[in-house]
Protein backbone atom coordinates (compact mmCIF):
# COMPACT_ATOMS: atom_id res chain seq x y z
CA MET A 1 45.85 59.02 -11.99
CA PHE A 2 46.21 60.91 -15.26
CA ASN A 3 45.25 64.57 -15.15
CA ILE A 4 43.13 64.68 -18.30
CA ASP A 5 42.34 68.40 -18.03
CA GLN A 6 46.03 69.32 -17.74
CA ILE A 7 46.88 67.08 -20.68
CA LEU A 8 44.29 68.82 -22.84
CA LYS A 9 45.51 72.21 -21.69
CA ALA A 10 49.02 71.24 -22.76
CA LEU A 11 47.73 70.39 -26.23
CA GLN A 12 46.75 74.00 -26.76
CA SER A 13 50.00 75.29 -28.15
CA ASP A 14 48.57 78.48 -29.60
CA GLN A 15 46.35 80.76 -27.54
CA GLY A 16 45.81 83.25 -30.34
CA THR A 17 42.56 83.92 -32.11
CA GLN A 18 43.22 81.33 -34.79
CA ARG A 19 42.19 77.85 -33.67
CA THR A 20 44.88 75.22 -33.95
CA ALA A 21 44.26 71.54 -34.47
CA VAL A 22 43.37 70.87 -30.85
CA THR A 23 42.41 74.27 -29.49
CA GLY A 24 38.80 73.16 -29.25
CA ALA A 25 39.74 70.17 -27.13
CA ALA A 26 41.96 72.23 -24.89
CA GLY A 27 39.22 74.79 -24.47
CA LEU A 28 37.03 72.21 -22.80
CA ALA A 29 39.59 71.63 -20.12
CA ALA A 30 40.71 75.22 -19.70
CA GLY A 31 37.19 76.61 -19.58
CA MET A 32 37.76 78.84 -22.60
CA LEU A 33 34.81 79.80 -24.75
CA LEU A 34 36.49 80.09 -28.13
CA SER A 35 35.06 81.73 -31.18
CA GLY A 36 34.61 79.81 -34.42
CA GLY A 37 33.56 76.56 -32.83
CA GLY A 38 30.84 74.91 -30.81
CA LEU A 39 32.38 75.38 -27.38
CA GLY A 40 30.59 78.64 -26.76
CA LYS A 41 27.33 76.71 -26.80
CA LEU A 42 28.34 74.56 -23.85
CA ALA A 43 26.90 75.47 -20.47
CA GLY A 44 29.49 77.29 -18.40
CA SER A 45 28.88 75.06 -15.40
CA ALA A 46 29.65 71.96 -17.45
CA VAL A 47 32.91 73.44 -18.71
CA GLN A 48 34.01 74.23 -15.16
CA LEU A 49 33.56 70.58 -14.21
CA GLY A 50 36.27 69.52 -16.62
CA ALA A 51 36.70 68.01 -20.03
CA VAL A 52 35.10 64.62 -19.36
CA ALA A 53 32.03 66.20 -17.78
CA ALA A 54 31.77 68.79 -20.54
CA VAL A 55 31.83 66.25 -23.36
CA GLY A 56 29.63 63.88 -21.38
CA GLY A 57 27.08 66.60 -20.74
CA LEU A 58 27.00 67.55 -24.41
CA ALA A 59 26.54 63.92 -25.47
CA PHE A 60 23.88 63.33 -22.80
CA ASN A 61 21.84 66.34 -23.91
CA ALA A 62 22.08 65.25 -27.55
CA TRP A 63 21.00 61.73 -26.59
CA GLN A 64 17.98 63.02 -24.65
CA ASN A 65 16.84 65.23 -27.53
CA TYR A 66 17.35 62.36 -29.96
CA GLN A 67 15.14 60.05 -27.89
CA LYS A 68 12.44 62.69 -27.53
CA ASN A 69 12.29 63.05 -31.30
CA GLN A 70 11.90 59.35 -32.01
CA GLN A 71 8.18 58.93 -32.60
CA GLY A 72 6.81 55.91 -30.85
CA ALA A 73 10.17 55.10 -29.29
CA GLN A 74 9.86 53.27 -26.01
CA ALA A 75 13.52 53.25 -25.11
CA PRO A 76 14.22 53.37 -21.38
CA ALA A 77 15.53 56.63 -19.99
CA VAL A 78 19.32 56.78 -19.92
CA GLN A 79 20.96 57.99 -16.74
CA GLN A 80 23.58 60.71 -16.90
CA ASP A 81 26.12 58.48 -15.16
CA ALA A 82 26.21 56.37 -18.33
CA PHE A 83 27.96 59.38 -19.87
CA ILE A 84 29.73 60.91 -16.87
CA PRO A 85 31.28 58.46 -14.38
CA ALA A 86 30.96 59.29 -10.71
CA VAL A 87 33.75 61.43 -9.32
CA SER A 88 34.50 58.62 -6.87
CA ASP A 89 35.15 56.20 -9.75
CA SER A 90 38.62 57.47 -10.64
CA HIS A 91 39.40 54.49 -12.89
CA ALA A 92 36.32 55.03 -15.07
CA GLN A 93 37.00 58.78 -15.19
CA GLU A 94 40.58 58.18 -16.33
CA GLU A 95 39.75 55.56 -18.94
CA LEU A 96 36.97 57.65 -20.45
CA GLY A 97 39.24 60.69 -20.37
CA LYS A 98 41.94 58.84 -22.28
CA THR A 99 39.37 57.64 -24.80
CA LEU A 100 38.11 61.17 -25.43
CA VAL A 101 41.61 62.66 -25.71
CA ARG A 102 42.54 59.95 -28.22
CA ALA A 103 39.42 60.73 -30.23
CA MET A 104 40.23 64.44 -30.20
CA ILE A 105 43.81 63.95 -31.32
CA ALA A 106 42.72 61.57 -34.07
CA ALA A 107 40.19 64.09 -35.35
CA ALA A 108 42.86 66.78 -35.40
CA LYS A 109 45.11 64.48 -37.45
CA ALA A 110 42.34 64.00 -40.02
CA ASP A 111 43.15 67.33 -41.67
CA GLY A 112 46.89 67.04 -41.27
CA ARG A 113 47.04 70.00 -38.90
CA ILE A 114 49.33 68.34 -36.38
CA ASP A 115 52.52 68.82 -38.36
CA ALA A 116 56.10 68.73 -37.13
CA ASP A 117 56.04 72.35 -35.96
CA GLU A 118 52.78 71.84 -34.09
CA LYS A 119 54.14 68.73 -32.36
CA GLU A 120 57.30 70.58 -31.36
CA ALA A 121 55.25 73.41 -29.86
CA ILE A 122 53.12 70.94 -27.91
CA PHE A 123 56.15 68.98 -26.70
CA SER A 124 57.82 72.19 -25.52
CA LYS A 125 54.73 73.19 -23.58
CA LEU A 126 54.40 69.73 -22.04
CA GLU A 127 57.92 70.02 -20.63
CA THR A 128 56.93 73.14 -18.69
CA MET A 129 53.84 71.58 -17.10
CA THR A 130 53.50 69.62 -13.88
CA LEU A 131 52.71 66.33 -15.56
CA SER A 132 54.33 63.02 -14.71
CA SER A 133 56.81 61.40 -17.07
CA GLU A 134 54.17 58.73 -17.74
CA GLU A 135 51.60 61.33 -18.74
CA LYS A 136 54.04 63.14 -21.01
CA ALA A 137 55.11 59.88 -22.66
CA TRP A 138 51.47 58.97 -23.22
CA VAL A 139 50.80 62.27 -25.02
CA PHE A 140 53.99 61.88 -27.08
CA ASP A 141 52.87 58.43 -28.18
CA GLU A 142 49.35 59.55 -29.06
CA LEU A 143 50.61 62.47 -31.14
CA SER A 144 53.21 60.33 -32.92
CA THR A 145 50.97 57.37 -33.71
CA PRO A 146 49.54 57.37 -37.27
CA LEU A 147 45.84 58.11 -37.57
CA ASP A 148 43.82 54.93 -36.99
CA ILE A 149 40.06 55.44 -36.97
CA ASN A 150 39.48 51.79 -36.12
CA ALA A 151 41.47 52.18 -32.91
CA VAL A 152 39.25 55.12 -31.97
CA VAL A 153 36.09 53.14 -32.69
CA ALA A 154 37.38 50.15 -30.70
CA ARG A 155 37.08 52.21 -27.53
CA ALA A 156 33.29 52.47 -27.95
CA ASP A 157 32.19 49.77 -25.55
CA THR A 158 28.69 51.23 -25.05
CA PRO A 159 26.32 53.30 -27.22
CA GLU A 160 26.78 56.18 -24.77
CA HIS A 161 30.56 56.09 -25.12
CA ALA A 162 30.19 55.94 -28.91
CA THR A 163 28.15 59.14 -28.70
CA GLU A 164 30.81 60.78 -26.53
CA ILE A 165 33.62 59.74 -28.86
CA TYR A 166 31.85 61.43 -31.76
CA ALA A 167 31.08 64.51 -29.66
CA ALA A 168 34.72 64.80 -28.54
CA SER A 169 35.91 64.46 -32.13
CA LEU A 170 33.49 67.12 -33.29
CA VAL A 171 34.49 69.78 -30.75
CA ALA A 172 38.20 69.15 -31.35
CA ILE A 173 38.00 70.51 -34.90
CA THR A 174 36.13 73.20 -36.81
CA ALA A 175 34.82 70.64 -39.33
CA ASP A 176 35.03 73.23 -42.09
CA THR A 177 37.15 71.27 -44.56
CA ALA A 178 36.23 68.36 -46.80
CA SER A 179 38.74 66.05 -45.09
CA GLU A 180 37.41 66.85 -41.62
CA ARG A 181 33.80 66.31 -42.67
CA ALA A 182 34.75 63.06 -44.40
CA TYR A 183 36.46 61.87 -41.23
CA LEU A 184 33.40 62.66 -39.11
CA ASP A 185 31.15 60.90 -41.63
CA ALA A 186 33.35 57.81 -41.53
CA LEU A 187 33.51 57.92 -37.73
CA ALA A 188 29.72 58.14 -37.38
CA SER A 189 29.31 55.23 -39.78
CA LYS A 190 31.84 53.03 -38.00
CA LEU A 191 30.30 53.89 -34.62
CA ARG A 192 26.88 52.92 -36.05
CA LEU A 193 25.34 56.20 -34.90
CA ASP A 194 21.86 56.99 -36.17
CA PRO A 195 22.07 60.06 -38.46
CA ALA A 196 19.36 61.69 -36.34
CA LEU A 197 21.57 61.31 -33.26
CA VAL A 198 24.55 62.72 -35.13
CA THR A 199 22.43 65.75 -36.05
CA GLU A 200 21.54 66.26 -32.38
CA ILE A 201 25.22 66.10 -31.40
CA HIS A 202 26.01 68.81 -33.93
CA LYS A 203 23.14 70.94 -32.59
CA ALA A 204 24.31 70.51 -29.00
CA ALA A 205 27.83 71.56 -30.00
CA GLY A 206 26.63 74.50 -32.07
CA ALA A 207 28.43 73.01 -35.05
CA ARG A 208 27.58 72.95 -38.73
CA ALA A 209 24.92 70.36 -39.52
CA PRO A 210 26.31 67.10 -40.91
CA GLU A 211 25.77 66.07 -44.50
CA PRO A 212 22.72 63.79 -45.04
CA ALA A 213 23.68 60.15 -44.59
CA ALA A 214 21.99 56.81 -44.77
CA ALA A 215 20.99 55.06 -41.57
CA PRO A 216 23.27 52.26 -40.32
CA ALA A 217 22.63 48.98 -42.06
CA ALA A 218 22.60 47.01 -38.83
CA PRO A 219 22.76 47.72 -35.10
CA PHE A 220 26.24 48.02 -33.69
CA ALA A 221 27.21 45.18 -31.35
CA TYR A 222 29.03 46.86 -28.49
CA THR A 223 31.57 44.72 -26.71
CA PRO A 224 34.08 45.79 -24.08
CA SER A 225 37.38 46.83 -25.61
CA SER A 226 40.39 44.73 -24.78
CA SER A 227 42.55 47.86 -24.87
CA ASN A 228 42.62 49.71 -21.57
CA VAL A 229 45.82 51.66 -21.83
């Protein structure tokens, strides 16, 4: 089974005060409350549970607040296990973890911050960690693959996972540049997330409010992704 938390920790190549492309993502796994981003707003207990639980908890809270604010909405209550798989379900934990790491890396690529030097620093750190050759190869591939937002969106097989993918992408970056904000806008649109839900995700993460956007033109038809690697 892939050690998602260790993989994210490896992605943090710079532990200085300046956030790198994936410092926010690594902070979730390492339990670091970094300045300049939304991670400090996460409950400490959630962070200690690991990256998947931290992102899942953030998305779940945003979802709950979103539903409460929908006047006249009669949507059934969503259980937390729709966002955070049971610890006993190692396969679901691993697949969701991979999905969230991919989303984080893609978001970091959106501003071009994972350059050759950054990759080299990450690769060097990976070699010193107790990760399997399969895990290291997986990270190498993800970092080397060109940015493909459609591949990220394809992993959203449920509305809850779509919410988590956006949340993971948001906390992986500072979202303080035009290119980063444009990427998040495009991601929210392709995931068919209601702008009100996107706003709640930003609030839950302690991030800058998103730019006003039009509501999705049609409901998103979620179908299981054929990609499970």
